[in-house]
Amino acid sequence: MAVMAKWRSKTFEVSTKKVNPLKNFSTSTTIKGDDSKSKKKTTELVPFTFDVDVHAGAGVNPQSEYESWCSLIKQTGVLYLHGRRFGRDTRLTDVSLSGAQLDDFGRIRFATIGLTFEEVNTKETKGEAGARAAASEAKKAEKKAKKKKGKKVTISVGSSVKLTGNYYTDGQKILAEEKKRVLKVGKIKGDKAYLPQVDGWVYISTLSLVS
């Protein structure tokens, strides 16, 4: 088996079970413009595109593969070429289907899937990691609260609280001085609370009620 490339769980390979090599790989690096959204010092976020031919007779269902790629739009991952990392984290931004060939029953037997990716800002990647950490903190706090005996503490709009977690729900780090403040809950939405004094949402389970 020869694996040409990999992105997240997707592999592009030539083997006895599957043939779906990538082709028409293209990328570019350009100087940063005045209105750039890039957080890099000198260059724009790097895009790259490539196509994948998928053939039902080569172990890949074209329609299922296309739908699978569509479900990954907005997801981030690292592209590996020949086992080596290519660039930074990238986000899948566009998926297209072209050159589809159908059989007499209307099944797609062959097609070309076009994929477009864009480099993710380092700051944005850290934010996503922080958001995952915030959710993990909330789950741990919930488990800890369930083990405690006594009257259940209820936090509602208007409650005075203190921050006990390390991240807001959007992944931003909670500052040490913010943890010292007594804050008022402005809104409740599901398992999250909005604190207007710091303009941020946190998981309710990571708040402590101030009596």
Protein backbone atom coordinates (compact mmCIF):
# COMPACT_ATOMS: atom_id res chain seq x y z
CA MET A 1 0.00 0.00 0.00
CA ALA A 2 1.26 3.48 -0.88
CA VAL A 3 -0.28 6.36 1.10
CA MET A 4 0.38 9.60 -0.76
CA ALA A 5 -1.21 11.98 1.70
CA LYS A 6 -3.42 12.27 4.77
CA TRP A 7 -5.70 14.93 6.29
CA ARG A 8 -7.48 14.09 9.55
CA SER A 9 -8.91 10.58 9.02
CA LYS A 10 -8.84 10.87 5.22
CA THR A 11 -6.11 9.07 3.30
CA PHE A 12 -5.17 9.32 -0.36
CA GLU A 13 -3.65 6.07 -1.45
CA VAL A 14 -3.02 3.46 -4.08
CA SER A 15 -3.53 -0.03 -2.73
CA THR A 16 -5.22 -3.32 -3.55
CA LYS A 17 -8.34 -2.16 -1.69
CA LYS A 18 -8.57 1.50 -2.65
CA VAL A 19 -7.31 3.82 -5.37
CA ASN A 20 -7.92 7.53 -4.73
CA PRO A 21 -4.71 9.47 -5.39
CA LEU A 22 -4.73 13.25 -5.17
CA LYS A 23 -3.82 15.34 -8.21
CA ASN A 24 -3.54 18.97 -9.36
CA PHE A 25 -2.10 20.05 -6.01
CA SER A 26 -1.70 23.83 -5.93
CA THR A 27 -0.66 26.39 -3.31
CA SER A 28 0.83 29.88 -3.10
CA THR A 29 2.38 32.28 -0.62
CA THR A 30 1.74 36.01 -1.01
CA ILE A 31 2.80 39.17 0.78
CA LYS A 32 0.47 40.42 3.49
CA GLY A 33 -1.94 43.18 2.47
CA ASP A 34 -3.10 46.20 4.49
CA ASP A 35 -6.57 44.72 5.12
CA SER A 36 -5.29 41.20 5.79
CA LYS A 37 -6.92 38.92 8.36
CA SER A 38 -3.65 37.01 8.71
CA LYS A 39 -1.90 37.13 12.09
CA LYS A 40 1.42 36.22 10.43
CA LYS A 41 4.10 38.90 10.20
CA THR A 42 4.68 39.10 6.46
CA THR A 43 2.41 36.77 4.49
CA GLU A 44 -1.25 36.01 3.92
CA LEU A 45 -2.83 32.80 5.15
CA VAL A 46 -1.71 30.07 2.75
CA PRO A 47 -4.43 28.33 0.70
CA PHE A 48 -4.09 25.08 -1.18
CA THR A 49 -6.30 23.03 -3.44
CA PHE A 50 -6.24 19.59 -5.00
CA ASP A 51 -8.53 17.11 -6.74
CA VAL A 52 -9.27 13.48 -6.03
CA ASP A 53 -10.61 11.04 -8.62
CA VAL A 54 -12.97 8.54 -7.00
CA HIS A 55 -14.14 5.41 -8.79
CA ALA A 56 -16.65 2.89 -7.50
CA GLY A 57 -14.68 0.14 -9.19
CA ALA A 58 -11.57 1.15 -7.24
CA GLY A 59 -13.04 0.74 -3.77
CA VAL A 60 -14.47 4.24 -3.25
CA ASN A 61 -18.16 5.16 -3.48
CA PRO A 62 -18.12 8.61 -5.15
CA GLN A 63 -21.37 9.89 -3.64
CA SER A 64 -20.57 8.68 -0.13
CA GLU A 65 -17.07 10.12 -0.34
CA TYR A 66 -18.40 13.49 -1.50
CA GLU A 67 -20.96 13.62 1.32
CA SER A 68 -18.29 12.61 3.81
CA TRP A 69 -16.05 15.49 2.72
CA CYS A 70 -18.97 17.94 2.89
CA SER A 71 -19.51 16.98 6.53
CA LEU A 72 -15.93 18.08 7.26
CA ILE A 73 -16.32 21.65 5.98
CA LYS A 74 -15.06 24.14 8.62
CA GLN A 75 -13.09 21.38 10.35
CA THR A 76 -9.35 21.85 10.85
CA GLY A 77 -6.45 19.46 10.45
CA VAL A 78 -2.90 19.06 9.22
CA LEU A 79 -2.05 17.82 5.74
CA TYR A 80 0.70 15.21 5.52
CA LEU A 81 2.44 14.51 2.22
CA HIS A 82 4.61 11.39 2.09
CA GLY A 83 4.37 11.22 5.88
CA ARG A 84 5.67 14.76 6.38
CA ARG A 85 3.66 17.67 7.71
CA PHE A 86 2.84 20.25 5.04
CA GLY A 87 2.46 23.73 6.51
CA ARG A 88 0.32 24.67 9.49
CA ASP A 89 -3.20 23.71 10.57
CA THR A 90 -5.69 24.18 7.75
CA ARG A 91 -9.47 24.48 7.49
CA LEU A 92 -11.53 22.82 4.76
CA THR A 93 -13.47 25.65 3.10
CA ASP A 94 -14.91 24.23 -0.12
CA VAL A 95 -15.88 20.86 -1.61
CA SER A 96 -16.98 20.41 -5.22
CA LEU A 97 -18.06 17.48 -7.40
CA SER A 98 -17.43 17.43 -11.15
CA GLY A 99 -17.18 15.05 -14.09
CA ALA A 100 -19.69 12.66 -12.55
CA GLN A 101 -20.45 9.55 -14.59
CA LEU A 102 -23.67 7.70 -13.78
CA ASP A 103 -24.70 4.15 -14.61
CA ASP A 104 -28.12 3.07 -15.91
CA PHE A 105 -29.51 3.07 -12.37
CA GLY A 106 -28.45 6.65 -11.63
CA ARG A 107 -25.57 5.66 -9.38
CA ILE A 108 -22.42 7.77 -9.58
CA ARG A 109 -19.64 5.44 -10.69
CA PHE A 110 -16.88 7.99 -11.19
CA ALA A 111 -16.34 11.64 -10.22
CA THR A 112 -13.68 14.18 -9.34
CA ILE A 113 -13.88 15.81 -5.92
CA GLY A 114 -12.26 19.24 -5.62
CA LEU A 115 -11.03 20.33 -2.18
CA THR A 116 -10.00 23.80 -1.00
CA PHE A 117 -8.21 24.50 2.28
CA GLU A 118 -6.96 27.64 4.01
CA GLU A 119 -4.34 28.01 6.71
CA VAL A 120 -5.75 28.75 10.17
CA ASN A 121 -4.48 31.67 12.23
CA THR A 122 -2.38 30.48 15.17
CA LYS A 123 -4.46 32.59 17.54
CA GLU A 124 -7.65 30.98 16.22
CA THR A 125 -6.21 27.49 16.68
CA LYS A 126 -5.37 28.28 20.30
CA GLY A 127 -8.93 29.53 20.81
CA GLU A 128 -10.36 26.23 19.57
CA ALA A 129 -8.06 24.32 21.92
CA GLY A 130 -9.17 26.58 24.77
CA ALA A 131 -12.83 25.95 23.96
CA ARG A 132 -12.24 22.21 24.21
CA ALA A 133 -10.43 22.73 27.51
CA ALA A 134 -13.37 24.81 28.81
CA ALA A 135 -15.82 22.02 27.97
CA SER A 136 -13.55 19.48 29.66
CA GLU A 137 -13.33 21.64 32.79
CA ALA A 138 -17.12 21.89 32.90
CA LYS A 139 -17.57 18.12 32.75
CA LYS A 140 -15.07 17.57 35.55
CA ALA A 141 -16.77 20.23 37.69
CA GLU A 142 -20.17 18.60 37.11
CA LYS A 143 -18.86 15.18 38.19
CA LYS A 144 -17.27 16.71 41.29
CA ALA A 145 -20.53 18.49 42.19
CA LYS A 146 -22.53 15.25 41.89
CA LYS A 147 -20.22 13.53 44.38
CA LYS A 148 -20.74 16.26 46.97
CA LYS A 149 -23.45 15.75 49.55
CA GLY A 150 -25.79 18.47 50.72
CA LYS A 151 -28.13 21.02 49.17
CA LYS A 152 -27.72 21.60 45.46
CA VAL A 153 -26.51 25.09 44.58
CA THR A 154 -28.59 26.87 41.95
CA ILE A 155 -27.13 29.72 39.92
CA SER A 156 -29.58 31.98 38.11
CA VAL A 157 -29.78 35.43 36.52
CA GLY A 158 -28.70 38.00 39.10
CA SER A 159 -26.62 35.56 41.16
CA SER A 160 -23.29 36.79 42.51
CA VAL A 161 -20.55 34.43 41.41
CA LYS A 162 -16.81 33.94 41.04
CA LEU A 163 -14.95 32.29 38.19
CA THR A 164 -13.28 28.97 39.02
CA GLY A 165 -12.38 27.74 35.53
CA ASN A 166 -9.50 28.73 33.29
CA TYR A 167 -11.33 29.39 30.01
CA TYR A 168 -14.39 31.13 28.64
CA THR A 169 -16.58 29.02 26.34
CA ASP A 170 -15.00 30.62 23.25
CA GLY A 171 -11.58 29.40 24.37
CA GLN A 172 -10.19 32.69 25.64
CA LYS A 173 -8.07 32.45 28.78
CA ILE A 174 -9.57 33.77 32.02
CA LEU A 175 -7.19 36.25 33.64
CA ALA A 176 -6.07 35.83 37.24
CA GLU A 177 -7.50 39.22 38.25
CA GLU A 178 -10.88 38.28 36.78
CA LYS A 179 -11.07 35.28 39.11
CA LYS A 180 -10.78 37.61 42.11
CA ARG A 181 -13.86 39.64 41.14
CA VAL A 182 -17.42 39.04 42.27
CA LEU A 183 -19.56 39.06 39.14
CA LYS A 184 -23.28 39.12 38.39
CA VAL A 185 -24.91 36.62 36.05
CA GLY A 186 -26.63 38.53 33.25
CA LYS A 187 -28.05 35.68 31.15
CA ILE A 188 -28.49 31.93 31.31
CA LYS A 189 -28.57 29.79 28.18
CA GLY A 190 -28.60 26.05 28.68
CA ASP A 191 -25.49 25.11 30.65
CA LYS A 192 -23.81 28.47 30.05
CA ALA A 193 -23.95 31.83 31.83
CA TYR A 194 -23.16 35.30 30.49
CA LEU A 195 -21.21 37.68 32.72
CA PRO A 196 -21.58 41.26 31.44
CA GLN A 197 -18.79 42.70 33.62
CA VAL A 198 -16.22 40.65 31.70
CA ASP A 199 -18.32 40.31 28.53
CA GLY A 200 -17.93 36.55 28.40
CA TRP A 201 -19.81 33.25 28.52
CA VAL A 202 -18.73 30.46 30.86
CA TYR A 203 -20.07 27.05 31.80
CA ILE A 204 -22.28 27.32 34.88
CA SER A 205 -20.53 24.37 36.50
CA THR A 206 -17.29 26.38 36.57
CA LEU A 207 -18.85 29.15 38.68
CA SER A 208 -19.00 29.32 42.47
CA LEU A 209 -21.93 31.05 44.14
CA VAL A 210 -21.04 33.94 46.44
CA SER A 211 -23.38 34.14 49.42
